[in-house]
Amino acid sequence: MEKKYNYDSPYALSFQPSNATFTINVQSLSTSTVSYDANGGTGTPPTDTTVYADGSTVTVLGQGSMSKAGNTFAGWATSTAGTGTIYKAGNTFVMGATNVTLYAQWTESTAGMPVINFSANPPTVSSGGSTTLTWSVTSSPVANSSFISRLISLFSTNASAADTITCVASYDWTGTKPNSGSEVQQNITSDKHYQLSCSNSVGTTTRNVYVSVESPLGNIQNLTASKSNDCGGKIKLSWTPYLGASNYIVSQYNTDGTLIGNISTSSTSIVISGTATTSYSFTVEAYNASGNALTNVSNTVTATSSGACPNVGGECTILSGTGFVLNQTGTWTVTSSCSLNCSYEWSGAGISSPIKTAENTLNKIYTTLGVKNIRVTITGDGGAAYCSGGVTATTTIRQGGSDTHER
């Protein structure tokens, strides 16, 4: 029967009598220590003499006899800056395979120090504007409120509420200041930094306020308004793009100055609809992506809108073809009610691809005899109409034949 003995220690002895072979296994056991650093404090940090195995539990020690002037002890961290986990006395953590140093963390104590209320109103001004600085200063009470401690603090040089407080201004204002007051800063043309530092026997408190100057607004350039070429009461507006603008607000007014509405657009050329042959006024402002105005309200421009759109309707009278003699020039003619921006597209016999013209006539030569059918699409601001008809090309002069029309 084979037997094996293992001992849970840094050194384990095992043997196997069945084959009379003895083996001594020396097992390496990782051990580490925990040390404490005052991290700028004075006095003696606690000492932990325990040697910890990897995976052991460590209980964090307390403050010891350490202290730091003007600060209170806030615990321990694995870095001097206090990043990562903050450990309090009695907290635990699992030990790793390497030594650990815990650094004391200190929080500045304000007990007995001046308390400053300091503000600027308004904090943002137009160039050349003014702001009012207002402040008040008191001493904060000492941390320990017991009767004996308050008696001690009253006669101590460290933290009396009756301490003399001295305040000094710096940066964009100067001089010694009273414990409370207000002061107007005028003609501000650039961003300002105002600092107030107040001291008593316990320490010094500093507060800062900042006043910013609004960037001067620009102006929309080359704003024009004119009657649109499109019918239906339209006016065209255009202006020069403004650097940094992501959108523009166009305000439309009646001629008596009443606001009709605002239009948001990213374009610098737009067509606005209204009532036909009516005058309107407009202004434009530019804004950045954050919604802040970049320009002042522009100058006002006025224009009269375009007239009503005519009805092309199905009132086209189909073409008549005249003079279609073999190998001679003949003329197709079409009439309609179109009167604005009219165009004509011709297709049919002898036309390999549609022909567009601005006139209502088309000259054509036919080289073969017979009936020639043709179709015209008439397009205007009021819509479109379609007409078709036919003629016979002969060897003698003959007038056109039947016509039809449709919409």
Protein backbone atom coordinates (compact mmCIF):
# COMPACT_ATOMS: atom_id res chain seq x y z
CA MET A 1 0.00 0.00 0.00
CA GLU A 2 1.44 3.35 -1.05
CA LYS A 3 1.34 6.21 1.43
CA LYS A 4 2.08 9.92 0.85
CA TYR A 5 2.44 12.63 3.46
CA ASN A 6 2.23 16.38 2.70
CA TYR A 7 2.81 19.12 5.21
CA ASP A 8 1.36 22.59 4.68
CA SER A 9 4.52 24.57 5.33
CA PRO A 10 7.26 26.17 3.25
CA TYR A 11 8.97 22.82 3.30
CA ALA A 12 7.02 19.64 2.50
CA LEU A 13 8.37 16.12 2.91
CA SER A 14 6.88 13.29 0.89
CA PHE A 15 7.95 9.66 0.69
CA GLN A 16 6.72 6.44 -0.84
CA PRO A 17 7.72 3.35 1.14
CA SER A 18 6.60 0.93 -1.60
CA ASN A 19 9.60 1.68 -3.72
CA ALA A 20 11.84 3.00 -0.93
CA THR A 21 12.26 6.29 -2.77
CA PHE A 22 12.34 9.43 -0.60
CA THR A 23 11.81 12.88 -2.11
CA ILE A 24 12.09 16.21 -0.31
CA ASN A 25 10.16 18.99 -2.10
CA VAL A 26 11.07 22.50 -1.09
CA GLN A 27 8.12 24.72 -1.95
CA SER A 28 8.66 28.48 -2.36
CA LEU A 29 6.13 30.60 -0.41
CA SER A 30 5.65 34.26 -1.52
CA THR A 31 5.72 36.71 1.40
CA SER A 32 5.25 40.50 1.38
CA THR A 33 4.99 43.41 3.79
CA VAL A 34 2.83 46.51 4.23
CA SER A 35 4.44 49.85 5.12
CA TYR A 36 2.92 53.27 5.89
CA ASP A 37 4.18 56.67 4.65
CA ALA A 38 3.31 60.03 6.28
CA ASN A 39 3.19 61.68 2.81
CA GLY A 40 4.13 65.16 3.97
CA GLY A 41 2.90 64.79 7.52
CA THR A 42 4.96 64.88 10.68
CA GLY A 43 5.16 62.34 13.47
CA THR A 44 5.44 58.58 13.20
CA PRO A 45 3.19 56.56 10.89
CA PRO A 46 1.96 53.18 12.15
CA THR A 47 4.13 50.09 11.71
CA ASP A 48 2.90 46.70 10.55
CA THR A 49 5.44 43.95 11.33
CA THR A 50 3.37 41.14 9.80
CA VAL A 51 4.79 39.16 6.88
CA TYR A 52 1.87 38.34 4.58
CA ALA A 53 1.51 35.40 2.22
CA ASP A 54 0.07 35.95 -1.22
CA GLY A 55 -3.74 35.98 -0.83
CA SER A 56 -3.70 36.86 2.84
CA THR A 57 -6.07 39.51 4.27
CA VAL A 58 -4.55 42.79 5.46
CA THR A 59 -6.30 45.02 7.99
CA VAL A 60 -5.42 48.71 7.51
CA LEU A 61 -4.02 50.53 10.54
CA GLY A 62 -4.98 53.96 11.85
CA GLN A 63 -3.34 57.41 11.84
CA GLY A 64 -0.71 56.72 14.45
CA SER A 65 0.96 59.87 15.79
CA MET A 66 1.05 61.65 12.42
CA SER A 67 -0.27 65.15 11.84
CA LYS A 68 -0.03 67.93 9.27
CA ALA A 69 -0.49 71.62 9.99
CA GLY A 70 -3.79 72.97 8.66
CA ASN A 71 -4.91 69.50 7.54
CA THR A 72 -6.93 66.57 8.77
CA PHE A 73 -6.12 62.91 8.18
CA ALA A 74 -8.38 61.40 5.47
CA GLY A 75 -7.10 57.80 5.24
CA TRP A 76 -4.61 55.89 3.11
CA ALA A 77 -4.06 55.31 -0.62
CA THR A 78 -1.58 53.38 -2.72
CA SER A 79 -0.34 56.60 -4.38
CA THR A 80 0.82 59.93 -2.99
CA ALA A 81 -1.82 61.76 -5.06
CA GLY A 82 -4.64 59.66 -3.60
CA THR A 83 -5.71 58.00 -6.85
CA GLY A 84 -7.44 54.66 -6.60
CA THR A 85 -9.10 53.26 -3.46
CA ILE A 86 -8.99 55.22 -0.20
CA TYR A 87 -8.63 52.97 2.85
CA LYS A 88 -9.86 53.90 6.32
CA ALA A 89 -8.59 52.35 9.55
CA GLY A 90 -10.10 48.86 9.88
CA ASN A 91 -10.67 48.39 6.13
CA THR A 92 -9.22 45.22 4.61
CA PHE A 93 -7.69 44.20 1.31
CA VAL A 94 -6.17 41.04 -0.17
CA MET A 95 -2.37 40.94 -0.30
CA GLY A 96 -0.67 40.29 -3.61
CA ALA A 97 2.78 38.96 -4.39
CA THR A 98 4.59 42.29 -3.91
CA ASN A 99 5.16 44.72 -1.05
CA VAL A 100 2.56 47.47 -0.54
CA THR A 101 3.13 51.06 0.62
CA LEU A 102 0.13 53.05 1.85
CA TYR A 103 0.43 56.85 1.76
CA ALA A 104 -1.36 59.13 4.18
CA GLN A 105 -4.00 61.36 2.61
CA TRP A 106 -4.53 64.85 4.00
CA THR A 107 -7.46 67.25 3.58
CA GLU A 108 -6.94 70.95 4.13
CA SER A 109 -8.77 72.06 7.24
CA THR A 110 -10.82 75.26 7.05
CA ALA A 111 -11.75 75.44 10.73
CA GLY A 112 -11.17 78.96 11.96
CA MET A 113 -10.07 80.23 8.52
CA PRO A 114 -11.79 83.15 6.74
CA VAL A 115 -14.95 82.32 4.78
CA ILE A 116 -15.29 84.47 1.64
CA ASN A 117 -18.41 85.13 -0.42
CA PHE A 118 -17.26 86.84 -3.61
CA SER A 119 -19.19 87.46 -6.86
CA ALA A 120 -19.35 89.60 -10.00
CA ASN A 121 -22.67 90.79 -11.40
CA PRO A 122 -22.97 90.49 -14.33
CA PRO A 123 -20.23 87.94 -15.07
CA THR A 124 -20.41 88.70 -18.81
CA VAL A 125 -20.43 92.24 -20.22
CA SER A 126 -20.38 93.97 -23.57
CA SER A 127 -17.15 95.66 -24.55
CA GLY A 128 -16.90 98.89 -22.56
CA GLY A 129 -19.47 97.68 -20.02
CA SER A 130 -19.23 97.43 -16.23
CA THR A 131 -19.69 94.87 -13.46
CA THR A 132 -20.12 95.11 -9.69
CA LEU A 133 -17.84 93.08 -7.40
CA THR A 134 -19.48 92.21 -4.07
CA TRP A 135 -17.83 90.41 -1.14
CA SER A 136 -18.23 89.57 2.53
CA VAL A 137 -15.78 87.78 4.84
CA THR A 138 -16.22 86.01 8.21
CA SER A 139 -14.18 83.51 10.24
CA SER A 140 -15.44 79.94 10.22
CA PRO A 141 -16.06 78.35 13.62
CA VAL A 142 -13.48 75.97 15.10
CA ALA A 143 -14.16 72.31 14.50
CA ASN A 144 -14.43 71.20 18.15
CA SER A 145 -17.50 72.72 19.77
CA SER A 146 -17.02 71.40 23.32
CA PHE A 147 -17.08 73.99 26.09
CA ILE A 148 -13.48 73.43 27.11
CA SER A 149 -12.28 73.52 23.48
CA ARG A 150 -14.19 76.75 22.83
CA LEU A 151 -12.59 78.33 25.88
CA ILE A 152 -9.18 77.22 24.72
CA SER A 153 -9.81 78.52 21.18
CA LEU A 154 -11.09 81.84 22.51
CA PHE A 155 -7.78 82.61 24.21
CA SER A 156 -5.66 80.84 21.64
CA THR A 157 -3.84 82.55 18.79
CA ASN A 158 -5.07 79.85 16.42
CA ALA A 159 -8.84 80.03 15.90
CA SER A 160 -10.79 82.84 17.49
CA ALA A 161 -13.92 84.20 15.84
CA ALA A 162 -12.65 87.62 16.89
CA ASP A 163 -9.45 87.20 14.84
CA THR A 164 -8.49 90.21 12.76
CA ILE A 165 -9.06 89.51 9.07
CA THR A 166 -7.01 91.29 6.43
CA CYS A 167 -8.10 91.15 2.77
CA VAL A 168 -5.97 92.01 -0.25
CA ALA A 169 -7.07 92.29 -3.90
CA SER A 170 -4.88 91.14 -6.78
CA TYR A 171 -4.76 90.55 -10.54
CA ASP A 172 -7.17 93.03 -12.22
CA TRP A 173 -7.88 94.98 -9.03
CA THR A 174 -5.51 95.92 -6.23
CA GLY A 175 -5.24 97.22 -2.70
CA THR A 176 -6.42 96.30 0.77
CA LYS A 177 -10.15 95.70 1.03
CA PRO A 178 -12.59 95.82 3.98
CA ASN A 179 -14.26 92.66 5.24
CA SER A 180 -17.36 93.47 3.20
CA GLY A 181 -18.22 95.83 0.39
CA SER A 182 -18.92 96.33 -3.28
CA GLU A 183 -16.98 97.98 -6.06
CA VAL A 184 -17.93 98.84 -9.64
CA GLN A 185 -15.42 97.96 -12.35
CA GLN A 186 -16.02 100.15 -15.41
CA ASN A 187 -15.02 100.30 -19.09
CA ILE A 188 -14.20 96.59 -19.32
CA THR A 189 -12.85 95.86 -22.80
CA SER A 190 -11.15 92.49 -22.18
CA ASP A 191 -11.68 89.43 -19.97
CA LYS A 192 -10.84 90.14 -16.30
CA HIS A 193 -9.62 88.08 -13.33
CA TYR A 194 -10.35 89.40 -9.84
CA GLN A 195 -8.80 87.67 -6.81
CA LEU A 196 -9.48 88.31 -3.11
CA SER A 197 -7.23 86.76 -0.44
CA CYS A 198 -8.21 87.10 3.23
CA SER A 199 -6.02 86.04 6.17
CA ASN A 200 -6.38 85.61 9.92
CA SER A 201 -4.21 83.90 12.53
CA VAL A 202 -5.35 80.46 11.33
CA GLY A 203 -4.61 80.81 7.63
CA THR A 204 -5.48 82.35 4.28
CA THR A 205 -8.49 81.78 2.03
CA THR A 206 -8.46 82.84 -1.61
CA ARG A 207 -11.38 83.23 -4.00
CA ASN A 208 -11.45 84.18 -7.68
CA VAL A 209 -14.12 85.58 -9.97
CA TYR A 210 -13.87 86.02 -13.72
CA VAL A 211 -15.65 88.50 -15.98
CA SER A 212 -15.75 87.87 -19.71
CA VAL A 213 -16.38 90.32 -22.52
CA GLU A 214 -18.80 89.31 -25.24
CA SER A 215 -17.28 89.11 -28.67
CA PRO A 216 -18.53 92.03 -30.77
CA LEU A 217 -21.25 91.02 -33.18
CA GLY A 218 -20.68 91.36 -36.90
CA ASN A 219 -23.07 92.44 -39.64
CA ILE A 220 -24.76 90.65 -42.51
CA GLN A 221 -23.31 91.93 -45.79
CA ASN A 222 -24.93 92.47 -49.20
CA LEU A 223 -28.50 91.56 -48.21
CA THR A 224 -30.83 92.01 -51.19
CA ALA A 225 -34.52 91.27 -51.85
CA SER A 226 -36.11 91.11 -55.29
CA LYS A 227 -39.17 89.77 -57.07
CA SER A 228 -38.62 86.13 -57.98
CA ASN A 229 -38.79 84.93 -61.56
CA ASP A 230 -41.21 82.30 -60.28
CA CYS A 231 -44.85 83.29 -60.19
CA GLY A 232 -47.09 82.87 -57.16
CA GLY A 233 -46.17 85.73 -54.78
CA LYS A 234 -42.48 84.87 -54.37
CA ILE A 235 -39.51 87.02 -53.31
CA LYS A 236 -35.84 86.03 -53.56
CA LEU A 237 -33.42 86.93 -50.74
CA SER A 238 -29.64 86.57 -50.84
CA TRP A 239 -26.64 87.71 -48.74
CA THR A 240 -22.94 87.03 -48.28
CA PRO A 241 -22.10 83.95 -46.14
CA TYR A 242 -20.93 84.87 -42.60
CA LEU A 243 -17.81 83.08 -41.28
CA GLY A 244 -18.67 80.49 -38.63
CA ALA A 245 -22.43 80.65 -39.20
CA SER A 246 -24.31 77.33 -39.25
CA ASN A 247 -27.76 78.82 -39.77
CA TYR A 248 -29.56 82.10 -40.36
CA ILE A 249 -32.87 83.44 -39.05
CA VAL A 250 -34.85 85.38 -41.67
CA SER A 251 -37.65 87.53 -40.24
CA GLN A 252 -40.52 88.52 -42.57
CA TYR A 253 -42.61 91.63 -41.87
CA ASN A 254 -45.59 93.41 -43.35
CA THR A 255 -44.87 96.95 -44.49
CA ASP A 256 -46.48 98.27 -41.29
CA GLY A 257 -43.76 96.51 -39.29
CA THR A 258 -45.79 93.60 -37.89
CA LEU A 259 -43.87 90.32 -37.77
CA ILE A 260 -45.26 87.59 -40.03
CA GLY A 261 -42.81 84.89 -38.95
CA ASN A 262 -39.22 83.64 -38.77
CA ILE A 263 -37.55 81.20 -41.14
CA SER A 264 -34.44 79.17 -40.20
CA THR A 265 -32.12 78.26 -43.06
CA SER A 266 -28.52 77.20 -43.63
CA SER A 267 -28.58 78.67 -47.16
CA THR A 268 -27.66 82.25 -48.08
CA SER A 269 -30.12 82.39 -50.98
CA ILE A 270 -33.76 81.52 -50.46
CA VAL A 271 -37.17 82.13 -52.05
CA ILE A 272 -39.97 83.16 -49.69
CA SER A 273 -43.65 82.88 -50.55
CA GLY A 274 -46.34 85.44 -49.81
CA THR A 275 -49.37 86.98 -51.42
CA ALA A 276 -48.98 87.88 -55.10
CA THR A 277 -47.88 91.47 -55.89
CA THR A 278 -47.52 92.38 -52.19
CA SER A 279 -44.63 94.24 -50.54
CA TYR A 280 -42.74 92.63 -47.64
CA SER A 281 -39.72 93.58 -45.51
CA PHE A 282 -36.97 91.26 -44.24
CA THR A 283 -34.05 91.12 -41.78
CA VAL A 284 -31.41 88.39 -41.29
CA GLU A 285 -29.26 87.23 -38.33
CA ALA A 286 -26.42 84.66 -38.30
CA TYR A 287 -25.97 82.01 -35.55
CA ASN A 288 -23.26 79.45 -34.78
CA ALA A 289 -23.80 75.73 -34.09
CA SER A 290 -24.31 76.43 -30.36
CA GLY A 291 -27.17 78.81 -31.10
CA ASN A 292 -25.22 81.95 -30.22
CA ALA A 293 -25.76 85.07 -32.34
CA LEU A 294 -22.78 86.02 -34.49
CA THR A 295 -24.27 89.16 -36.04
CA ASN A 296 -26.53 92.03 -35.23
CA VAL A 297 -29.96 92.13 -36.85
CA SER A 298 -29.31 93.16 -40.44
CA ASN A 299 -30.57 96.23 -42.21
CA THR A 300 -34.15 95.95 -43.49
CA VAL A 301 -34.78 95.22 -47.17
CA THR A 302 -38.14 95.43 -48.94
CA ALA A 303 -39.45 93.95 -52.20
CA THR A 304 -42.75 93.24 -53.96
CA SER A 305 -43.60 89.61 -54.62
CA SER A 306 -44.19 88.11 -58.04
CA GLY A 307 -47.64 87.96 -59.62
CA ALA A 308 -50.10 85.09 -59.62
CA CYS A 309 -49.31 82.11 -61.81
CA PRO A 310 -51.27 81.92 -65.13
CA ASN A 311 -53.23 78.79 -65.96
CA VAL A 312 -51.70 76.80 -68.79
CA GLY A 313 -54.72 74.52 -68.51
CA GLY A 314 -55.87 72.34 -71.38
CA GLU A 315 -56.60 75.36 -73.49
CA CYS A 316 -53.98 74.68 -76.05
CA THR A 317 -55.15 75.01 -79.64
CA ILE A 318 -53.44 72.40 -81.61
CA LEU A 319 -51.02 73.19 -84.02
CA SER A 320 -51.71 73.96 -87.51
CA GLY A 321 -49.16 73.00 -90.08
CA THR A 322 -48.74 75.25 -93.10
CA GLY A 323 -46.71 75.02 -96.24
CA PHE A 324 -45.68 71.37 -95.89
CA VAL A 325 -44.62 70.73 -99.49
CA LEU A 326 -42.16 67.96 -100.15
CA ASN A 327 -38.56 69.12 -99.58
CA GLN A 328 -39.65 72.63 -98.57
CA THR A 329 -39.79 74.35 -95.17
CA GLY A 330 -43.16 74.24 -93.42
CA THR A 331 -44.18 75.65 -90.05
CA TRP A 332 -45.91 74.02 -87.10
CA THR A 333 -47.73 76.47 -84.80
CA VAL A 334 -49.37 75.94 -81.38
CA THR A 335 -51.25 78.40 -79.16
CA SER A 336 -52.14 78.24 -75.44
CA SER A 337 -52.88 80.42 -72.41
CA CYS A 338 -49.28 80.06 -71.17
CA SER A 339 -47.82 83.54 -70.61
CA LEU A 340 -44.93 83.17 -68.12
CA ASN A 341 -41.75 81.12 -68.48
CA CYS A 342 -43.24 79.08 -71.31
CA SER A 343 -41.32 76.36 -73.12
CA TYR A 344 -42.26 73.95 -75.92
CA GLU A 345 -41.04 70.42 -76.50
CA TRP A 346 -41.69 68.99 -79.98
CA SER A 347 -41.69 65.31 -80.92
CA GLY A 348 -43.13 63.11 -83.64
CA ALA A 349 -42.71 62.71 -87.38
CA GLY A 350 -39.29 63.60 -88.71
CA ILE A 351 -37.95 64.45 -85.18
CA SER A 352 -35.45 61.85 -84.01
CA SER A 353 -35.23 63.32 -80.47
CA PRO A 354 -37.42 65.95 -78.77
CA ILE A 355 -36.69 69.56 -79.66
CA LYS A 356 -37.16 72.28 -77.01
CA THR A 357 -37.87 75.86 -78.01
CA ALA A 358 -38.92 79.07 -76.27
CA GLU A 359 -41.22 79.90 -79.19
CA ASN A 360 -44.58 78.38 -80.12
CA THR A 361 -43.47 77.64 -83.69
CA LEU A 362 -41.22 75.05 -85.28
CA ASN A 363 -39.95 74.98 -88.87
CA LYS A 364 -39.62 71.53 -90.43
CA ILE A 365 -38.74 70.03 -93.88
CA TYR A 366 -40.22 66.68 -94.88
CA THR A 367 -38.60 64.56 -97.58
CA THR A 368 -41.33 61.97 -97.85
CA LEU A 369 -45.01 62.21 -98.73
CA GLY A 370 -47.87 61.27 -96.43
CA VAL A 371 -49.44 62.16 -93.08
CA LYS A 372 -47.09 63.67 -90.50
CA ASN A 373 -48.20 63.57 -86.83
CA ILE A 374 -46.57 65.70 -84.17
CA ARG A 375 -46.95 66.30 -80.40
CA VAL A 376 -46.07 69.39 -78.34
CA THR A 377 -45.64 69.64 -74.55
CA ILE A 378 -46.21 73.19 -73.32
CA THR A 379 -44.77 73.97 -69.86
CA GLY A 380 -45.25 77.19 -67.90
CA ASP A 381 -45.41 78.39 -64.30
CA GLY A 382 -49.01 77.26 -64.05
CA GLY A 383 -48.47 73.68 -65.20
CA ALA A 384 -48.27 71.79 -68.50
CA ALA A 385 -50.48 71.00 -71.48
CA TYR A 386 -50.09 68.51 -74.31
CA CYS A 387 -51.24 68.99 -77.90
CA SER A 388 -50.99 66.79 -80.97
CA GLY A 389 -52.07 66.97 -84.60
CA GLY A 390 -51.20 65.93 -88.11
CA VAL A 391 -50.73 67.21 -91.68
CA THR A 392 -50.07 65.62 -95.04
CA ALA A 393 -46.90 66.45 -96.88
CA THR A 394 -47.74 66.83 -100.56
CA THR A 395 -46.20 68.01 -103.75
CA THR A 396 -48.40 71.13 -103.57
CA ILE A 397 -49.21 73.64 -100.81
CA ARG A 398 -51.84 72.33 -98.35
CA GLN A 399 -53.08 73.52 -94.95
CA GLY A 400 -52.87 71.39 -91.82
CA GLY A 401 -55.41 68.76 -90.83
CA SER A 402 -57.20 67.82 -87.65
CA ASP A 403 -55.99 68.72 -84.15
CA THR A 404 -56.56 67.46 -80.63
CA HIS A 405 -55.59 68.68 -77.22
CA GLU A 406 -55.31 67.23 -73.78
CA ARG A 407 -54.05 68.17 -70.33
